[in-house]
PDB file of N, CA and C in Angstrom:
ATOM      1  N   UNK A   1     -33.253 160.992  20.787  1.00  0.00           N
ATOM      2  CA  UNK A   1     -33.555 161.565  21.690  1.00  0.00           C
ATOM      3  C   UNK A   1     -33.700 162.941  21.518  1.00  0.00           C
ATOM      4  N   UNK A   2     -34.365 164.143  22.064  1.00  0.00           N
ATOM      5  CA  UNK A   2     -34.490 165.445  21.755  1.00  0.00           C
ATOM      6  C   UNK A   2     -33.582 166.161  21.881  1.00  0.00           C
ATOM      7  N   UNK A   3     -33.718 167.010  20.578  1.00  0.00           N
ATOM      8  CA  UNK A   3     -32.488 168.294  20.892  1.00  0.00           C
ATOM      9  C   UNK A   3     -32.955 169.617  21.224  1.00  0.00           C
ATOM     10  N   UNK A   4     -32.359 170.429  21.775  1.00  0.00           N
ATOM     11  CA  UNK A   4     -32.884 171.756  21.970  1.00  0.00           C
ATOM     12  C   UNK A   4     -32.035 172.495  21.372  1.00  0.00           C
ATOM     13  N   UNK A   5     -32.162 173.819  20.418  1.00  0.00           N
ATOM     14  CA  UNK A   5     -31.125 174.810  20.025  1.00  0.00           C
ATOM     15  C   UNK A   5     -31.747 176.136  20.564  1.00  0.00           C
ATOM     16  N   UNK A   6     -30.682 176.590  21.134  1.00  0.00           N
ATOM     17  CA  UNK A   6     -30.853 177.885  22.380  1.00  0.00           C
ATOM     18  C   UNK A   6     -30.269 179.293  21.240  1.00  0.00           C
ATOM     19  N   UNK A   7     -31.117 179.938  20.723  1.00  0.00           N
ATOM     20  CA  UNK A   7     -30.775 181.251  19.772  1.00  0.00           C
ATOM     21  C   UNK A   7     -30.556 182.527  20.697  1.00  0.00           C
ATOM     22  N   UNK A   8     -29.493 182.982  20.140  1.00  0.00           N
ATOM     23  CA  UNK A   8     -29.524 184.545  20.508  1.00  0.00           C
ATOM     24  C   UNK A   8     -29.097 184.489  22.055  1.00  0.00           C
ATOM     25  N   UNK A   9     -28.068 183.697  22.434  1.00  0.00           N
ATOM     26  CA  UNK A   9     -27.509 183.513  23.888  1.00  0.00           C
ATOM     27  C   UNK A   9     -26.665 184.648  23.695  1.00  0.00           C
ATOM     28  N   UNK A  10     -26.054 185.324  24.536  1.00  0.00           N
ATOM     29  CA  UNK A  10     -25.537 186.606  24.535  1.00  0.00           C
ATOM     30  C   UNK A  10     -23.748 185.949  25.173  1.00  0.00           C
ATOM     31  N   UNK A  11     -22.714 186.831  24.732  1.00  0.00           N
ATOM     32  CA  UNK A  11     -21.669 186.228  24.709  1.00  0.00           C
ATOM     33  C   UNK A  11     -21.039 185.859  26.389  1.00  0.00           C
ATOM     34  N   UNK A  12     -21.724 186.739  27.286  1.00  0.00           N
ATOM     35  CA  UNK A  12     -21.357 186.957  28.176  1.00  0.00           C
ATOM     36  C   UNK A  12     -22.242 185.517  29.296  1.00  0.00           C
ATOM     37  N   UNK A  13     -23.370 185.516  28.461  1.00  0.00           N
ATOM     38  CA  UNK A  13     -23.946 184.185  29.142  1.00  0.00           C
ATOM     39  C   UNK A  13     -23.142 182.811  29.189  1.00  0.00           C
ATOM     40  N   UNK A  14     -22.760 182.893  27.420  1.00  0.00           N
ATOM     41  CA  UNK A  14     -22.193 181.513  26.864  1.00  0.00           C
ATOM     42  C   UNK A  14     -20.789 181.084  27.773  1.00  0.00           C
ATOM     43  N   UNK A  15     -19.941 182.387  28.034  1.00  0.00           N
ATOM     44  CA  UNK A  15     -18.544 182.546  28.659  1.00  0.00           C
ATOM     45  C   UNK A  15     -19.069 181.690  30.121  1.00  0.00           C
ATOM     46  N   UNK A  16     -20.169 182.373  30.921  1.00  0.00           N
ATOM     47  CA  UNK A  16     -20.586 182.084  32.164  1.00  0.00           C
ATOM     48  C   UNK A  16     -20.490 180.504  32.111  1.00  0.00           C
ATOM     49  N   UNK A  17     -21.810 179.919  30.997  1.00  0.00           N
ATOM     50  CA  UNK A  17     -21.806 178.742  31.045  1.00  0.00           C
ATOM     51  C   UNK A  17     -20.531 177.807  30.852  1.00  0.00           C
ATOM     52  N   UNK A  18     -19.617 178.153  30.110  1.00  0.00           N
ATOM     53  CA  UNK A  18     -18.457 177.437  29.847  1.00  0.00           C
ATOM     54  C   UNK A  18     -17.329 177.476  31.268  1.00  0.00           C
ATOM     55  N   UNK A  19     -17.379 178.780  31.652  1.00  0.00           N
ATOM     56  CA  UNK A  19     -16.702 178.745  33.022  1.00  0.00           C
ATOM     57  C   UNK A  19     -17.272 177.813  34.056  1.00  0.00           C
ATOM     58  N   UNK A  20     -18.560 178.037  34.309  1.00  0.00           N
ATOM     59  CA  UNK A  20     -19.543 176.863  35.282  1.00  0.00           C
ATOM     60  C   UNK A  20     -19.285 175.311  34.841  1.00  0.00           C
ATOM     61  N   UNK A  21     -19.288 175.071  33.462  1.00  0.00           N
ATOM     62  CA  UNK A  21     -19.010 173.717  33.251  1.00  0.00           C
ATOM     63  C   UNK A  21     -17.568 172.813  33.553  1.00  0.00           C
ATOM     64  N   UNK A  22     -16.658 174.030  33.483  1.00  0.00           N
ATOM     65  CA  UNK A  22     -15.439 173.542  34.073  1.00  0.00           C
ATOM     66  C   UNK A  22     -15.292 173.547  35.198  1.00  0.00           C
ATOM     67  N   UNK A  23     -15.783 174.171  35.684  1.00  0.00           N
ATOM     68  CA  UNK A  23     -15.786 174.473  37.719  1.00  0.00           C
ATOM     69  C   UNK A  23     -16.261 172.894  37.778  1.00  0.00           C
ATOM     70  N   UNK A  24     -17.386 172.377  37.290  1.00  0.00           N
ATOM     71  CA  UNK A  24     -17.978 171.097  37.351  1.00  0.00           C
ATOM     72  C   UNK A  24     -17.063 169.834  36.451  1.00  0.00           C
ATOM     73  N   UNK A  25     -16.079 170.210  35.905  1.00  0.00           N
ATOM     74  CA  UNK A  25     -15.776 169.133  35.470  1.00  0.00           C
ATOM     75  C   UNK A  25     -16.766 168.601  34.275  1.00  0.00           C
ATOM     76  N   UNK A  26     -17.170 169.259  33.108  1.00  0.00           N
ATOM     77  CA  UNK A  26     -18.044 168.788  32.695  1.00  0.00           C
ATOM     78  C   UNK A  26     -18.284 169.501  31.180  1.00  0.00           C
ATOM     79  N   UNK A  27     -18.609 169.093  30.214  1.00  0.00           N
ATOM     80  CA  UNK A  27     -18.808 169.954  29.015  1.00  0.00           C
ATOM     81  C   UNK A  27     -19.967 171.168  29.192  1.00  0.00           C
ATOM     82  N   UNK A  28     -19.756 171.752  28.417  1.00  0.00           N
ATOM     83  CA  UNK A  28     -20.830 173.045  28.078  1.00  0.00           C
ATOM     84  C   UNK A  28     -22.218 172.386  27.828  1.00  0.00           C
ATOM     85  N   UNK A  29     -22.350 171.443  27.291  1.00  0.00           N
ATOM     86  CA  UNK A  29     -23.234 170.423  26.864  1.00  0.00           C
ATOM     87  C   UNK A  29     -24.081 170.088  27.875  1.00  0.00           C
ATOM     88  N   UNK A  30     -23.208 169.148  28.825  1.00  0.00           N
ATOM     89  CA  UNK A  30     -23.726 168.653  29.870  1.00  0.00           C
ATOM     90  C   UNK A  30     -23.811 169.213  30.787  1.00  0.00           C
ATOM     91  N   UNK A  31     -23.221 170.926  31.172  1.00  0.00           N
ATOM     92  CA  UNK A  31     -23.598 171.731  32.114  1.00  0.00           C
ATOM     93  C   UNK A  31     -24.858 172.274  31.719  1.00  0.00           C
ATOM     94  N   UNK A  32     -25.243 172.380  30.820  1.00  0.00           N
ATOM     95  CA  UNK A  32     -26.671 172.884  30.235  1.00  0.00           C
ATOM     96  C   UNK A  32     -27.728 171.792  30.338  1.00  0.00           C
ATOM     97  N   UNK A  33     -27.468 170.903  30.633  1.00  0.00           N
ATOM     98  CA  UNK A  33     -28.366 169.801  30.753  1.00  0.00           C
ATOM     99  C   UNK A  33     -28.504 169.931  32.079  1.00  0.00           C
ATOM    100  N   UNK A  34     -27.620 169.658  33.182  1.00  0.00           N
ATOM    101  CA  UNK A  34     -27.329 169.808  34.542  1.00  0.00           C
ATOM    102  C   UNK A  34     -28.604 170.689  34.747  1.00  0.00           C
ATOM    103  N   UNK A  35     -28.222 171.881  34.292  1.00  0.00           N
ATOM    104  CA  UNK A  35     -29.077 173.210  35.169  1.00  0.00           C
ATOM    105  C   UNK A  35     -30.563 173.013  34.657  1.00  0.00           C
ATOM    106  N   UNK A  36     -30.949 172.854  33.272  1.00  0.00           N
ATOM    107  CA  UNK A  36     -32.060 172.160  33.029  1.00  0.00           C
ATOM    108  C   UNK A  36     -33.084 171.026  33.449  1.00  0.00           C
ATOM    109  N   UNK A  37     -32.179 170.202  33.945  1.00  0.00           N
ATOM    110  CA  UNK A  37     -32.279 169.062  34.568  1.00  0.00           C
ATOM    111  C   UNK A  37     -33.054 169.512  36.224  1.00  0.00           C
ATOM    112  N   UNK A  38     -32.364 170.434  36.809  1.00  0.00           N
ATOM    113  CA  UNK A  38     -32.474 170.995  38.172  1.00  0.00           C
ATOM    114  C   UNK A  38     -33.586 171.824  38.184  1.00  0.00           C
ATOM    115  N   UNK A  39     -33.629 172.751  37.045  1.00  0.00           N
ATOM    116  CA  UNK A  39     -34.792 173.614  36.986  1.00  0.00           C
ATOM    117  C   UNK A  39     -36.134 172.943  36.743  1.00  0.00           C
ATOM    118  N   UNK A  40     -36.197 171.926  36.094  1.00  0.00           N
ATOM    119  CA  UNK A  40     -37.951 171.086  35.641  1.00  0.00           C
ATOM    120  C   UNK A  40     -37.886 170.254  36.889  1.00  0.00           C
ATOM    121  N   UNK A  41     -37.157 169.373  37.230  1.00  0.00           N
ATOM    122  CA  UNK A  41     -36.954 168.432  38.216  1.00  0.00           C
ATOM    123  C   UNK A  41     -36.720 168.397  39.456  1.00  0.00           C
ATOM    124  N   UNK A  42     -36.755 169.842  39.987  1.00  0.00           N
ATOM    125  CA  UNK A  42     -36.108 169.820  41.580  1.00  0.00           C
ATOM    126  C   UNK A  42     -36.390 168.421  42.703  1.00  0.00           C
ATOM    127  N   UNK A  43     -35.208 168.560  43.291  1.00  0.00           N
ATOM    128  CA  UNK A  43     -35.132 167.501  44.111  1.00  0.00           C
ATOM    129  C   UNK A  43     -36.020 167.295  45.001  1.00  0.00           C
ATOM    130  N   UNK A  44     -37.066 168.372  45.516  1.00  0.00           N
ATOM    131  CA  UNK A  44     -37.811 168.532  46.706  1.00  0.00           C
ATOM    132  C   UNK A  44     -39.085 168.354  45.984  1.00  0.00           C
ATOM    133  N   UNK A  45     -39.352 168.510  44.849  1.00  0.00           N
ATOM    134  CA  UNK A  45     -40.827 168.210  43.951  1.00  0.00           C
ATOM    135  C   UNK A  45     -41.771 167.271  44.418  1.00  0.00           C
ATOM    136  N   UNK A  46     -43.060 167.694  44.606  1.00  0.00           N
ATOM    137  CA  UNK A  46     -44.130 166.654  45.152  1.00  0.00           C
ATOM    138  C   UNK A  46     -44.133 165.793  43.922  1.00  0.00           C
ATOM    139  N   UNK A  47     -44.193 164.391  44.319  1.00  0.00           N
ATOM    140  CA  UNK A  47     -44.440 163.356  43.207  1.00  0.00           C
ATOM    141  C   UNK A  47     -45.544 163.199  43.715  1.00  0.00           C
ATOM    142  N   UNK A  48     -46.587 162.723  43.041  1.00  0.00           N
ATOM    143  CA  UNK A  48     -48.314 162.723  43.075  1.00  0.00           C
ATOM    144  C   UNK A  48     -48.240 161.343  43.443  1.00  0.00           C
ATOM    145  N   UNK A  49     -47.517 160.232  42.976  1.00  0.00           N
ATOM    146  CA  UNK A  49     -47.509 159.074  43.234  1.00  0.00           C
ATOM    147  C   UNK A  49     -47.226 158.794  44.816  1.00  0.00           C
ATOM    148  N   UNK A  50     -46.016 158.997  44.951  1.00  0.00           N
ATOM    149  CA  UNK A  50     -45.266 158.998  46.465  1.00  0.00           C
ATOM    150  C   UNK A  50     -46.105 159.611  47.666  1.00  0.00           C
ATOM    151  N   UNK A  51     -46.656 160.721  47.310  1.00  0.00           N
ATOM    152  CA  UNK A  51     -47.563 161.411  48.333  1.00  0.00           C
ATOM    153  C   UNK A  51     -48.932 160.508  48.322  1.00  0.00           C
ATOM    154  N   UNK A  52     -49.633 159.984  47.495  1.00  0.00           N
ATOM    155  CA  UNK A  52     -51.017 159.032  47.452  1.00  0.00           C
ATOM    156  C   UNK A  52     -50.646 158.021  48.620  1.00  0.00           C
ATOM    157  N   UNK A  53     -49.575 157.435  48.055  1.00  0.00           N
ATOM    158  CA  UNK A  53     -48.600 156.260  48.891  1.00  0.00           C
ATOM    159  C   UNK A  53     -48.717 156.123  50.233  1.00  0.00           C
ATOM    160  N   UNK A  54     -47.871 157.506  50.504  1.00  0.00           N
ATOM    161  CA  UNK A  54     -47.663 157.919  52.172  1.00  0.00           C
ATOM    162  C   UNK A  54     -48.958 158.272  52.867  1.00  0.00           C
ATOM    163  N   UNK A  55     -50.223 158.806  51.792  1.00  0.00           N
ATOM    164  CA  UNK A  55     -51.089 159.070  52.831  1.00  0.00           C
ATOM    165  C   UNK A  55     -51.755 157.649  53.106  1.00  0.00           C
ATOM    166  N   UNK A  56     -51.752 156.875  52.219  1.00  0.00           N
ATOM    167  CA  UNK A  56     -52.471 155.398  52.339  1.00  0.00           C
ATOM    168  C   UNK A  56     -51.986 154.642  53.508  1.00  0.00           C
ATOM    169  N   UNK A  57     -50.638 155.169  53.567  1.00  0.00           N
ATOM    170  CA  UNK A  57     -50.057 154.528  54.628  1.00  0.00           C
ATOM    171  C   UNK A  57     -50.417 154.858  56.090  1.00  0.00           C
ATOM    172  N   UNK A  58     -50.533 156.463  56.178  1.00  0.00           N
ATOM    173  CA  UNK A  58     -51.093 157.249  57.367  1.00  0.00           C
ATOM    174  C   UNK A  58     -52.451 156.874  57.684  1.00  0.00           C
ATOM    175  N   UNK A  59     -53.448 156.720  56.703  1.00  0.00           N
ATOM    176  CA  UNK A  59     -54.667 156.021  57.450  1.00  0.00           C
ATOM    177  C   UNK A  59     -54.670 154.799  57.564  1.00  0.00           C
ATOM    178  N   UNK A  60     -53.723 153.806  57.099  1.00  0.00           N
ATOM    179  CA  UNK A  60     -53.852 152.363  57.428  1.00  0.00           C
ATOM    180  C   UNK A  60     -54.464 151.562  56.105  1.00  0.00           C
ATOM    181  N   UNK A  61     -54.688 152.190  55.227  1.00  0.00           N
ATOM    182  CA  UNK A  61     -55.226 151.709  53.726  1.00  0.00           C
ATOM    183  C   UNK A  61     -54.118 150.372  53.751  1.00  0.00           C
ATOM    184  N   UNK A  62     -54.920 149.250  53.228  1.00  0.00           N
ATOM    185  CA  UNK A  62     -54.083 148.301  52.650  1.00  0.00           C
ATOM    186  C   UNK A  62     -54.558 148.156  51.400  1.00  0.00           C
ATOM    187  N   UNK A  63     -53.976 146.676  50.847  1.00  0.00           N
ATOM    188  CA  UNK A  63     -54.169 146.268  49.666  1.00  0.00           C
ATOM    189  C   UNK A  63     -55.359 145.594  49.638  1.00  0.00           C
ATOM    190  N   UNK A  64     -55.591 145.086  50.474  1.00  0.00           N
ATOM    191  CA  UNK A  64     -56.895 144.603  50.648  1.00  0.00           C
ATOM    192  C   UNK A  64     -58.104 145.289  50.753  1.00  0.00           C
ATOM    193  N   UNK A  65     -58.003 146.473  51.506  1.00  0.00           N
ATOM    194  CA  UNK A  65     -59.114 147.526  51.383  1.00  0.00           C
ATOM    195  C   UNK A  65     -59.375 148.067  49.857  1.00  0.00           C
ATOM    196  N   UNK A  66     -58.029 148.210  49.300  1.00  0.00           N
ATOM    197  CA  UNK A  66     -58.468 148.929  47.706  1.00  0.00           C
ATOM    198  C   UNK A  66     -59.035 147.821  47.069  1.00  0.00           C
ATOM    199  N   UNK A  67     -58.665 146.427  47.160  1.00  0.00           N
ATOM    200  CA  UNK A  67     -59.217 145.290  46.343  1.00  0.00           C
ATOM    201  C   UNK A  67     -61.032 145.405  46.429  1.00  0.00           C
ATOM    202  N   UNK A  68     -61.273 145.418  47.691  1.00  0.00           N
ATOM    203  CA  UNK A  68     -62.276 145.399  48.434  1.00  0.00           C
ATOM    204  C   UNK A  68     -63.054 146.684  47.548  1.00  0.00           C
ATOM    205  N   UNK A  69     -62.673 147.744  47.642  1.00  0.00           N
ATOM    206  CA  UNK A  69     -63.533 148.698  46.896  1.00  0.00           C
ATOM    207  C   UNK A  69     -63.391 148.660  45.246  1.00  0.00           C
ATOM    208  N   UNK A  70     -62.225 148.210  44.903  1.00  0.00           N
ATOM    209  CA  UNK A  70     -62.713 147.889  43.389  1.00  0.00           C
ATOM    210  C   UNK A  70     -63.576 146.835  43.078  1.00  0.00           C
ATOM    211  N   UNK A  71     -63.642 145.540  43.752  1.00  0.00           N
ATOM    212  CA  UNK A  71     -64.881 144.749  43.547  1.00  0.00           C
ATOM    213  C   UNK A  71     -66.373 145.327  43.460  1.00  0.00           C
ATOM    214  N   UNK A  72     -66.448 146.089  45.070  1.00  0.00           N
ATOM    215  CA  UNK A  72     -67.807 146.812  44.976  1.00  0.00           C
ATOM    216  C   UNK A  72     -67.692 147.851  43.882  1.00  0.00           C
ATOM    217  N   UNK A  73     -67.075 148.333  43.286  1.00  0.00           N
ATOM    218  CA  UNK A  73     -67.361 149.412  42.572  1.00  0.00           C
ATOM    219  C   UNK A  73     -67.626 148.793  41.252  1.00  0.00           C
ATOM    220  N   UNK A  74     -66.921 147.684  40.747  1.00  0.00           N
ATOM    221  CA  UNK A  74     -67.415 147.217  39.442  1.00  0.00           C
ATOM    222  C   UNK A  74     -68.503 146.316  39.564  1.00  0.00           C
ATOM    223  N   UNK A  75     -69.023 146.001  40.744  1.00  0.00           N
ATOM    224  CA  UNK A  75     -70.173 144.850  40.903  1.00  0.00           C
ATOM    225  C   UNK A  75     -71.546 145.703  40.274  1.00  0.00           C
ATOM    226  N   UNK A  76     -71.840 146.545  41.007  1.00  0.00           N
ATOM    227  CA  UNK A  76     -73.192 146.863  40.424  1.00  0.00           C
ATOM    228  C   UNK A  76     -73.109 148.287  39.835  1.00  0.00           C
ATOM    229  N   UNK A  77     -74.001 148.805  38.684  1.00  0.00           N
ATOM    230  CA  UNK A  77     -73.774 150.223  38.561  1.00  0.00           C
ATOM    231  C   UNK A  77     -74.174 150.932  39.180  1.00  0.00           C
ATOM    232  N   UNK A  78     -74.014 152.349  39.082  1.00  0.00           N
ATOM    233  CA  UNK A  78     -74.324 153.547  40.011  1.00  0.00           C
ATOM    234  C   UNK A  78     -76.250 153.575  39.757  1.00  0.00           C
ATOM    235  N   UNK A  79     -76.845 154.269  40.604  1.00  0.00           N
ATOM    236  CA  UNK A  79     -78.165 154.435  40.435  1.00  0.00           C
ATOM    237  C   UNK A  79     -78.401 155.453  40.034  1.00  0.00           C
ATOM    238  N   UNK A  80     -79.147 155.576  38.905  1.00  0.00           N
ATOM    239  CA  UNK A  80     -79.484 157.154  38.042  1.00  0.00           C
ATOM    240  C   UNK A  80     -80.086 157.867  39.412  1.00  0.00           C
ATOM    241  N   UNK A  81     -80.119 159.363  39.375  1.00  0.00           N
ATOM    242  CA  UNK A  81     -81.000 160.186  40.215  1.00  0.00           C
ATOM    243  C   UNK A  81     -82.198 160.366  39.622  1.00  0.00           C
ATOM    244  N   UNK A  82     -82.957 160.356  41.033  1.00  0.00           N
ATOM    245  CA  UNK A  82     -84.437 160.653  40.584  1.00  0.00           C
ATOM    246  C   UNK A  82     -84.888 162.069  40.925  1.00  0.00           C
ATOM    247  N   UNK A  83     -85.361 162.901  40.332  1.00  0.00           N
ATOM    248  CA  UNK A  83     -85.894 164.200  40.978  1.00  0.00           C
ATOM    249  C   UNK A  83     -87.514 164.347  41.010  1.00  0.00           C
ATOM    250  N   UNK A  84     -87.785 164.483  41.997  1.00  0.00           N
ATOM    251  CA  UNK A  84     -89.273 164.500  42.139  1.00  0.00           C
ATOM    252  C   UNK A  84     -89.961 165.645  42.334  1.00  0.00           C
TER     253      UNK A  84
END
């Protein structure tokens, strides 16, 4: 698992992290992990796969529709453009 080293952290910030960790009954390291996780993976973030699935459901797209599109796409190559 990757490790991260944080250099030049002020004493005040380190103390605040230790206090916050104690308030949450965690180690300082666990508290830092929780803070980083919340910062880069917020609960309300847009998840592309979930959004696409919801859009498909809203328009009534079914697995049969997707399979039909895939069969037609692979059956015949695209015609090249002709400029006259």
